[in-house]
Amino acid sequence: MTAADDRLRPYRSVLYIPGSRERALDKARELPADAIIFDLEDAVAADEKENARGLLRKKLAATDYGPRARIVRINGLDTPWGQDDLAAFADADIEAILVPKVGSAADIESVAGRVPDTPIWAMMETPQAMLNAAEIAAHPRLAGMVMGTNDLAKELGCRFRADRLPLMTSLQLCLLAARAHGLVIVDGVYNAFRDEDGLRAECRQSRDLGFDGKTVIHPAQIEIANEEFAPSEDEIEMARRQIQAFEEAEREGKGVAVVDGKIVENLHVVTARQILARAQAIAMRAK
């Protein structure tokens, strides 16, 4: 899959699943998440790391996860398990290897030679990563970024705020870097998985900023993320009207059109076509 194709693929909801939990790995086949992060790092205890690696390898080889993007988060290469994780999944049929604690492009380069045919994603979760976001995003093998907002908040020593003001600079630095290089980028998790209103508000903020989707920690969060990161019916209808009006204006030799009293130029039409392409990709995902 090319980077352009991957940018059209929906990543509204990206569910973390511990690689050590066989029941969860089986249940994931039925969940409406757009993507799954099979986690060998934070979600797996040290004494379960090797068993989780073997179980996940077996499950990925034998299980059909349908249209869900399969992403494996390995342990860091500076841990006792990272190198073996990388070797185990270097030739696996997955959409990406997710590298934790990325601090520079050198961290991506250290993985790239070991997985020549698998896209690489980066966990963006440290102050160093924020300061080097542009350099990391520019690595030719990088295909996506995942915000690790819990780890980042810990490193920053910031307080929790519903508006996420303390994290805003970091979120936007990574978003700018991802967009500059055509990468997928998904937001961090919302920890209060029973707080539907709080999750919805954070998803809307994230979508307003420009993120492709949100990582989630519980199946109950998937539906809200899917709803909030999909184009609304109003957005789809407006996109169609803008395209139609602009095409009519072009036929009349005009460079701009007007819809509901607002100017529509070519740049608006580009955005409108992206909205329709995204809606179509989501509709295909649901089939």
Protein backbone atom coordinates (compact mmCIF):
# COMPACT_ATOMS: atom_id res chain seq x y z
CA MET A 1 0.00 0.00 0.00
CA THR A 2 1.36 3.39 -0.94
CA ALA A 3 1.40 6.36 1.43
CA ALA A 4 -1.32 8.02 -0.65
CA ASP A 5 -3.52 4.92 -0.41
CA ASP A 6 -2.93 4.69 3.33
CA ARG A 7 -4.01 8.31 3.79
CA LEU A 8 -7.39 7.40 2.29
CA ARG A 9 -7.78 4.34 4.48
CA PRO A 10 -9.93 5.08 7.56
CA TYR A 11 -8.12 5.23 10.90
CA ARG A 12 -11.00 6.70 12.91
CA SER A 13 -10.64 4.19 15.74
CA VAL A 14 -7.36 2.43 16.51
CA LEU A 15 -7.80 -0.11 19.30
CA TYR A 16 -4.97 -1.24 21.57
CA ILE A 17 -5.11 -4.98 22.33
CA PRO A 18 -2.54 -6.73 24.59
CA GLY A 19 -0.67 -9.35 22.61
CA SER A 20 -0.86 -11.69 25.60
CA ARG A 21 -4.68 -11.92 25.79
CA GLU A 22 -5.91 -14.66 23.50
CA ARG A 23 -9.62 -13.96 24.06
CA ALA A 24 -9.15 -10.30 23.18
CA LEU A 25 -7.20 -11.25 20.06
CA ASP A 26 -10.07 -13.47 18.96
CA LYS A 27 -12.79 -10.95 19.82
CA ALA A 28 -11.06 -8.26 17.76
CA ARG A 29 -12.30 -9.96 14.59
CA GLU A 30 -15.83 -8.80 15.44
CA LEU A 31 -15.13 -5.24 16.56
CA PRO A 32 -15.78 -2.26 14.25
CA ALA A 33 -12.38 -0.64 14.85
CA ASP A 34 -10.65 0.63 11.71
CA ALA A 35 -7.27 -0.55 13.00
CA ILE A 36 -5.78 -2.62 15.80
CA ILE A 37 -2.52 -2.03 17.61
CA PHE A 38 -1.40 -5.45 18.84
CA ASP A 39 0.64 -4.36 21.81
CA LEU A 40 3.74 -6.18 23.01
CA GLU A 41 5.04 -3.22 25.02
CA ASP A 42 3.15 -1.44 27.82
CA ALA A 43 0.19 -3.83 27.95
CA VAL A 44 2.31 -6.94 28.52
CA ALA A 45 4.10 -7.78 31.78
CA ALA A 46 7.80 -8.57 31.62
CA ASP A 47 7.34 -12.25 32.42
CA GLU A 48 4.75 -12.57 29.62
CA LYS A 49 6.73 -10.88 26.84
CA GLU A 50 8.04 -14.02 25.16
CA ASN A 51 4.74 -15.88 25.40
CA ALA A 52 2.88 -12.87 24.01
CA ARG A 53 5.25 -12.66 21.05
CA GLY A 54 4.67 -16.31 20.15
CA LEU A 55 0.91 -16.11 20.65
CA LEU A 56 0.56 -12.97 18.56
CA ARG A 57 2.71 -14.39 15.78
CA LYS A 58 0.48 -17.47 15.66
CA LYS A 59 -2.76 -15.49 15.75
CA LEU A 60 -1.75 -13.08 13.01
CA ALA A 61 -0.78 -15.98 10.76
CA ALA A 62 -4.05 -17.85 11.33
CA THR A 63 -6.70 -15.17 11.89
CA ASP A 64 -8.57 -13.09 9.34
CA TYR A 65 -9.03 -9.60 10.79
CA GLY A 66 -10.92 -8.42 7.73
CA PRO A 67 -10.44 -4.79 6.70
CA ARG A 68 -8.91 -3.77 10.02
CA ALA A 69 -5.36 -2.45 9.68
CA ARG A 70 -2.99 -4.63 11.74
CA ILE A 71 -0.22 -2.78 13.54
CA VAL A 72 2.25 -4.43 15.92
CA ARG A 73 3.80 -2.32 18.65
CA ILE A 74 7.13 -3.87 19.53
CA ASN A 75 9.20 -3.30 22.63
CA GLY A 76 12.00 -0.78 22.37
CA LEU A 77 15.19 -2.05 20.76
CA ASP A 78 17.06 -1.08 23.93
CA THR A 79 15.02 -3.59 25.96
CA PRO A 80 15.66 -7.34 26.28
CA TRP A 81 12.71 -8.08 23.98
CA GLY A 82 12.79 -5.52 21.18
CA GLN A 83 15.21 -7.23 18.82
CA ASP A 84 13.34 -10.54 19.04
CA ASP A 85 10.01 -8.75 18.52
CA LEU A 86 11.34 -7.15 15.37
CA ALA A 87 12.69 -10.44 14.04
CA ALA A 88 9.40 -12.22 14.77
CA PHE A 89 7.28 -9.75 12.79
CA ALA A 90 9.69 -8.57 10.10
CA ASP A 91 7.97 -10.75 7.50
CA ALA A 92 4.48 -10.84 9.01
CA ASP A 93 1.41 -9.90 6.97
CA ILE A 94 0.71 -6.63 8.76
CA GLU A 95 0.20 -2.99 7.84
CA ALA A 96 2.91 -1.56 10.10
CA ILE A 97 5.47 -1.99 12.86
CA LEU A 98 4.94 0.62 15.59
CA VAL A 99 8.17 1.72 17.28
CA PRO A 100 7.87 3.06 20.85
CA LYS A 101 9.73 6.00 22.37
CA VAL A 102 10.97 7.38 19.06
CA GLY A 103 13.19 10.39 19.71
CA SER A 104 14.83 11.01 16.35
CA ALA A 105 14.99 9.79 12.77
CA ALA A 106 17.87 7.55 13.83
CA ASP A 107 15.38 5.44 15.79
CA ILE A 108 13.41 4.84 12.62
CA GLU A 109 16.59 4.09 10.69
CA SER A 110 17.57 1.44 13.25
CA VAL A 111 14.38 -0.45 12.42
CA ALA A 112 14.16 0.24 8.68
CA GLY A 113 16.88 -2.18 7.58
CA ARG A 114 15.31 -5.00 9.54
CA VAL A 115 11.84 -4.65 8.00
CA PRO A 116 12.49 -3.70 4.36
CA ASP A 117 8.92 -4.42 3.19
CA THR A 118 6.83 -3.28 6.16
CA PRO A 119 5.76 0.33 6.80
CA ILE A 120 6.96 1.87 10.05
CA TRP A 121 4.95 3.96 12.47
CA ALA A 122 6.35 6.02 15.34
CA MET A 123 5.05 6.50 18.88
CA MET A 124 5.38 10.21 19.60
CA GLU A 125 5.49 10.34 23.39
CA THR A 126 8.56 12.22 24.62
CA PRO A 127 9.71 15.85 24.68
CA GLN A 128 12.60 14.88 22.40
CA ALA A 129 10.14 13.48 19.86
CA MET A 130 8.18 16.73 19.90
CA LEU A 131 11.29 18.79 19.23
CA ASN A 132 12.35 16.41 16.43
CA ALA A 133 8.91 15.78 14.94
CA ALA A 134 9.77 17.27 11.54
CA GLU A 135 12.97 15.23 11.26
CA ILE A 136 11.18 12.02 12.26
CA ALA A 137 8.31 12.60 9.83
CA ALA A 138 10.75 13.19 6.99
CA HIS A 139 12.24 9.69 7.20
CA PRO A 140 11.32 7.98 3.91
CA ARG A 141 10.19 4.77 5.61
CA LEU A 142 7.82 6.39 8.06
CA ALA A 143 4.12 5.97 7.25
CA GLY A 144 2.32 7.01 10.41
CA MET A 145 2.50 8.60 13.85
CA VAL A 146 0.66 7.75 17.06
CA MET A 147 0.47 10.28 19.87
CA GLY A 148 1.40 8.82 23.25
CA THR A 149 -0.25 11.50 25.33
CA ASN A 150 -0.10 9.66 28.66
CA ASP A 151 3.67 9.22 28.54
CA LEU A 152 4.11 12.71 27.17
CA ALA A 153 2.08 14.27 29.98
CA LYS A 154 4.16 12.35 32.51
CA GLU A 155 7.40 13.60 30.96
CA LEU A 156 6.13 17.18 30.81
CA GLY A 157 4.82 17.11 34.36
CA CYS A 158 1.68 18.87 33.20
CA ARG A 159 -1.73 18.83 34.81
CA PHE A 160 -4.80 17.25 33.26
CA ARG A 161 -7.17 19.72 31.65
CA ALA A 162 -10.24 18.87 29.63
CA ASP A 163 -9.13 21.32 26.93
CA ARG A 164 -5.64 19.71 26.79
CA LEU A 165 -4.02 23.11 26.68
CA PRO A 166 -0.71 21.82 28.16
CA LEU A 167 -0.42 19.32 25.28
CA MET A 168 -1.58 21.55 22.46
CA THR A 169 1.86 22.62 21.26
CA SER A 170 2.99 19.00 21.09
CA LEU A 171 -0.14 17.83 19.30
CA GLN A 172 0.18 20.52 16.69
CA LEU A 173 3.91 20.08 16.15
CA CYS A 174 3.35 16.42 15.33
CA LEU A 175 0.31 17.17 13.21
CA LEU A 176 2.25 19.75 11.20
CA ALA A 177 5.09 17.29 10.66
CA ALA A 178 2.76 14.49 9.61
CA ARG A 179 0.85 16.65 7.15
CA ALA A 180 4.06 18.05 5.67
CA HIS A 181 5.07 14.52 4.72
CA GLY A 182 1.73 12.90 3.94
CA LEU A 183 1.60 10.62 6.98
CA VAL A 184 -1.29 9.13 8.89
CA ILE A 185 -1.50 10.55 12.42
CA VAL A 186 -3.80 9.40 15.22
CA ASP A 187 -4.39 11.04 18.57
CA GLY A 188 -3.68 9.58 22.01
CA VAL A 189 -6.08 7.68 24.24
CA TYR A 190 -8.87 8.98 26.46
CA ASN A 191 -8.40 7.19 29.78
CA ALA A 192 -11.91 7.48 31.28
CA PHE A 193 -13.45 4.82 29.05
CA ARG A 194 -16.87 5.06 30.71
CA ASP A 195 -17.06 8.85 30.16
CA GLU A 196 -18.79 9.01 26.78
CA ASP A 197 -19.32 12.76 26.82
CA GLY A 198 -15.68 13.44 27.64
CA LEU A 199 -14.51 11.07 24.92
CA ARG A 200 -16.81 12.65 22.35
CA ALA A 201 -15.58 16.13 23.23
CA GLU A 202 -11.94 15.09 22.93
CA CYS A 203 -12.58 13.32 19.63
CA ARG A 204 -14.23 16.46 18.26
CA GLN A 205 -11.30 18.57 19.37
CA SER A 206 -8.90 16.12 17.75
CA ARG A 207 -10.88 16.03 14.51
CA ASP A 208 -11.08 19.84 14.49
CA LEU A 209 -7.29 19.96 14.78
CA GLY A 210 -6.92 17.62 11.80
CA PHE A 211 -6.09 14.19 13.21
CA ASP A 212 -7.15 11.10 11.25
CA GLY A 213 -8.49 9.25 14.26
CA LYS A 214 -8.02 8.32 17.90
CA THR A 215 -6.40 5.44 19.71
CA VAL A 216 -8.84 3.75 22.08
CA ILE A 217 -8.33 1.40 25.02
CA HIS A 218 -11.78 -0.19 25.27
CA PRO A 219 -14.23 -1.54 22.68
CA ALA A 220 -16.93 0.74 24.11
CA GLN A 221 -15.00 3.74 22.78
CA ILE A 222 -14.94 2.58 19.16
CA GLU A 223 -18.39 3.73 18.09
CA ILE A 224 -17.93 7.30 19.30
CA ALA A 225 -14.52 7.60 17.62
CA ASN A 226 -15.94 6.22 14.38
CA GLU A 227 -18.79 8.71 14.46
CA GLU A 228 -16.72 11.77 15.28
CA PHE A 229 -13.97 11.15 12.73
CA ALA A 230 -16.33 10.40 9.86
CA PRO A 231 -17.61 13.21 7.63
CA SER A 232 -21.10 14.26 8.71
CA GLU A 233 -24.06 14.18 6.34
CA ASP A 234 -23.97 17.98 6.29
CA GLU A 235 -20.29 17.97 5.33
CA ILE A 236 -20.89 15.45 2.57
CA GLU A 237 -23.82 17.41 1.17
CA MET A 238 -21.87 20.67 1.27
CA ALA A 239 -18.91 19.03 -0.46
CA ARG A 240 -21.15 17.84 -3.29
CA ARG A 241 -22.73 21.26 -3.66
CA GLN A 242 -19.34 22.98 -3.72
CA ILE A 243 -18.02 20.67 -6.42
CA GLN A 244 -21.16 21.06 -8.51
CA ALA A 245 -21.16 24.85 -8.19
CA PHE A 246 -17.48 25.14 -9.03
CA GLU A 247 -17.77 22.88 -12.07
CA GLU A 248 -20.69 24.98 -13.32
CA ALA A 249 -18.67 28.16 -12.76
CA GLU A 250 -15.76 26.70 -14.74
CA ARG A 251 -18.03 25.85 -17.64
CA GLU A 252 -19.07 29.50 -17.64
CA GLY A 253 -15.44 30.62 -17.68
CA LYS A 254 -15.39 31.73 -14.05
CA GLY A 255 -12.66 30.96 -11.52
CA VAL A 256 -14.85 31.00 -8.43
CA ALA A 257 -18.36 29.98 -7.42
CA VAL A 258 -20.66 30.98 -4.59
CA VAL A 259 -22.47 28.55 -2.26
CA ASP A 260 -24.67 29.87 0.54
CA GLY A 261 -23.10 33.30 0.19
CA LYS A 262 -19.53 32.00 0.51
CA ILE A 263 -16.81 31.97 -2.13
CA VAL A 264 -15.78 28.54 -3.43
CA GLU A 265 -12.35 28.36 -5.05
CA ASN A 266 -10.27 25.46 -6.29
CA LEU A 267 -8.74 24.90 -2.85
CA HIS A 268 -12.24 24.37 -1.40
CA VAL A 269 -12.98 21.86 -4.13
CA VAL A 270 -9.82 19.91 -3.28
CA THR A 271 -11.00 19.67 0.32
CA ALA A 272 -14.51 18.74 -0.82
CA ARG A 273 -13.17 15.89 -2.96
CA GLN A 274 -11.11 14.65 0.00
CA ILE A 275 -14.23 14.61 2.17
CA LEU A 276 -16.12 12.56 -0.41
CA ALA A 277 -13.19 10.18 -0.86
CA ARG A 278 -13.01 9.70 2.90
CA ALA A 279 -16.75 9.06 3.12
CA GLN A 280 -16.51 6.52 0.32
CA ALA A 281 -13.60 4.72 2.00
CA ILE A 282 -15.57 4.52 5.23
CA ALA A 283 -18.60 3.19 3.38
CA MET A 284 -16.45 0.50 1.75
CA ARG A 285 -15.02 -0.36 5.17
CA ALA A 286 -18.53 -1.03 6.48
CA LYS A 287 -19.36 -3.58 3.77
